[in-house]
Amino acid sequence: MSYVCLHCKREVKVLEKNFVRCPYCGYRVLGKKRSSLAKEVPTN
């Protein structure tokens, strides 16, 4: 699963079990990367 650093906006691919920092800037807040596809929902 890929994550995105909320500080430097870089993608972090692999996270170790106890690793909760961005390897680029050291920021501790990461968010899950969302897919770029829009979902269609019926309005019936």
N, C-alpha and C. Protein backbone atom coordinates (compact mmCIF):
# COMPACT_ATOMS: atom_id res chain seq x y z
N MET A 1 0.85 -1.18 0.00
CA MET A 1 0.00 0.00 0.00
C MET A 1 0.90 1.24 0.00
N SER A 2 0.52 2.22 -0.76
CA SER A 2 1.33 3.43 -0.82
C SER A 2 0.69 4.55 0.00
N TYR A 3 1.55 5.36 0.54
CA TYR A 3 1.14 6.48 1.38
C TYR A 3 1.75 7.76 0.81
N VAL A 4 1.21 8.91 1.22
CA VAL A 4 1.72 10.20 0.79
C VAL A 4 2.05 11.01 2.03
N CYS A 5 3.23 11.61 2.05
CA CYS A 5 3.62 12.48 3.15
C CYS A 5 2.81 13.77 3.02
N LEU A 6 2.19 14.20 4.11
CA LEU A 6 1.35 15.40 4.06
C LEU A 6 2.17 16.68 4.12
N HIS A 7 3.47 16.58 4.36
CA HIS A 7 4.33 17.76 4.41
C HIS A 7 5.00 18.03 3.06
N CYS A 8 5.71 17.02 2.52
CA CYS A 8 6.45 17.22 1.26
C CYS A 8 5.71 16.65 0.05
N LYS A 9 4.57 15.99 0.25
CA LYS A 9 3.71 15.44 -0.81
C LYS A 9 4.39 14.36 -1.65
N ARG A 10 5.41 13.71 -1.12
CA ARG A 10 6.07 12.63 -1.84
C ARG A 10 5.42 11.30 -1.49
N GLU A 11 5.47 10.38 -2.43
CA GLU A 11 4.87 9.07 -2.24
C GLU A 11 5.86 8.16 -1.52
N VAL A 12 5.38 7.48 -0.49
CA VAL A 12 6.17 6.53 0.27
C VAL A 12 5.60 5.15 -0.01
N LYS A 13 6.37 4.29 -0.68
CA LYS A 13 5.85 3.00 -1.14
C LYS A 13 5.79 1.96 -0.02
N VAL A 14 6.90 1.67 0.62
CA VAL A 14 6.98 0.58 1.58
C VAL A 14 7.19 1.14 2.97
N LEU A 15 6.36 0.69 3.90
CA LEU A 15 6.52 1.08 5.30
C LEU A 15 6.87 -0.15 6.11
N GLU A 16 7.89 -0.02 6.93
CA GLU A 16 8.24 -1.11 7.84
C GLU A 16 7.24 -1.11 8.99
N LYS A 17 7.30 -2.13 9.80
CA LYS A 17 6.32 -2.29 10.87
C LYS A 17 6.33 -1.12 11.85
N ASN A 18 7.49 -0.68 12.28
CA ASN A 18 7.59 0.37 13.28
C ASN A 18 8.06 1.69 12.68
N PHE A 19 8.03 1.84 11.37
CA PHE A 19 8.53 3.04 10.70
C PHE A 19 7.36 3.96 10.38
N VAL A 20 7.29 5.11 11.05
CA VAL A 20 6.16 6.02 10.86
C VAL A 20 6.63 7.42 10.46
N ARG A 21 7.74 7.51 9.75
CA ARG A 21 8.25 8.80 9.31
C ARG A 21 8.49 8.78 7.80
N CYS A 22 8.38 9.95 7.19
CA CYS A 22 8.73 10.10 5.78
C CYS A 22 10.24 9.99 5.65
N PRO A 23 10.74 9.15 4.75
CA PRO A 23 12.19 9.01 4.62
C PRO A 23 12.84 10.23 3.97
N TYR A 24 12.06 11.12 3.38
CA TYR A 24 12.61 12.28 2.69
C TYR A 24 12.73 13.50 3.61
N CYS A 25 11.67 13.79 4.38
CA CYS A 25 11.69 15.01 5.21
C CYS A 25 11.58 14.73 6.70
N GLY A 26 11.24 13.50 7.09
CA GLY A 26 11.15 13.15 8.50
C GLY A 26 9.82 13.47 9.15
N TYR A 27 8.85 13.94 8.37
CA TYR A 27 7.53 14.27 8.90
C TYR A 27 6.82 13.00 9.33
N ARG A 28 6.05 13.06 10.40
CA ARG A 28 5.44 11.87 10.97
C ARG A 28 3.99 11.64 10.56
N VAL A 29 3.42 12.49 9.73
CA VAL A 29 2.02 12.34 9.34
C VAL A 29 1.96 11.88 7.89
N LEU A 30 1.38 10.70 7.68
CA LEU A 30 1.24 10.13 6.33
C LEU A 30 -0.23 9.84 6.08
N GLY A 31 -0.66 10.00 4.83
CA GLY A 31 -2.03 9.70 4.44
C GLY A 31 -2.03 8.64 3.37
N LYS A 32 -3.11 7.89 3.30
CA LYS A 32 -3.23 6.87 2.26
C LYS A 32 -3.45 7.55 0.92
N LYS A 33 -2.82 7.00 -0.11
CA LYS A 33 -2.96 7.55 -1.45
C LYS A 33 -4.30 7.13 -2.03
N ARG A 34 -5.04 8.08 -2.56
CA ARG A 34 -6.33 7.79 -3.18
C ARG A 34 -6.14 7.44 -4.64
N SER A 35 -7.05 6.64 -5.16
CA SER A 35 -7.00 6.31 -6.58
C SER A 35 -7.43 7.52 -7.40
N SER A 36 -6.96 7.58 -8.61
CA SER A 36 -7.28 8.73 -9.46
C SER A 36 -8.58 8.53 -10.24
N LEU A 37 -9.24 7.40 -10.07
CA LEU A 37 -10.48 7.12 -10.80
C LEU A 37 -11.68 7.66 -10.02
N ALA A 38 -12.59 8.29 -10.74
CA ALA A 38 -13.82 8.76 -10.13
C ALA A 38 -14.85 7.63 -10.19
N LYS A 39 -15.59 7.46 -9.13
CA LYS A 39 -16.59 6.40 -9.08
C LYS A 39 -17.93 6.97 -9.51
N GLU A 40 -18.67 6.16 -10.28
CA GLU A 40 -20.01 6.56 -10.70
C GLU A 40 -21.03 5.92 -9.81
N VAL A 41 -21.94 6.70 -9.28
CA VAL A 41 -22.97 6.22 -8.37
C VAL A 41 -24.33 6.49 -9.01
N PRO A 42 -25.19 5.48 -9.10
CA PRO A 42 -26.51 5.71 -9.69
C PRO A 42 -27.36 6.59 -8.78
N THR A 43 -28.20 7.44 -9.39
CA THR A 43 -29.02 8.38 -8.63
C THR A 43 -30.49 7.97 -8.58
N ASN A 44 -30.76 6.73 -8.86
CA ASN A 44 -32.16 6.26 -8.85
C ASN A 44 -32.73 6.23 -7.49
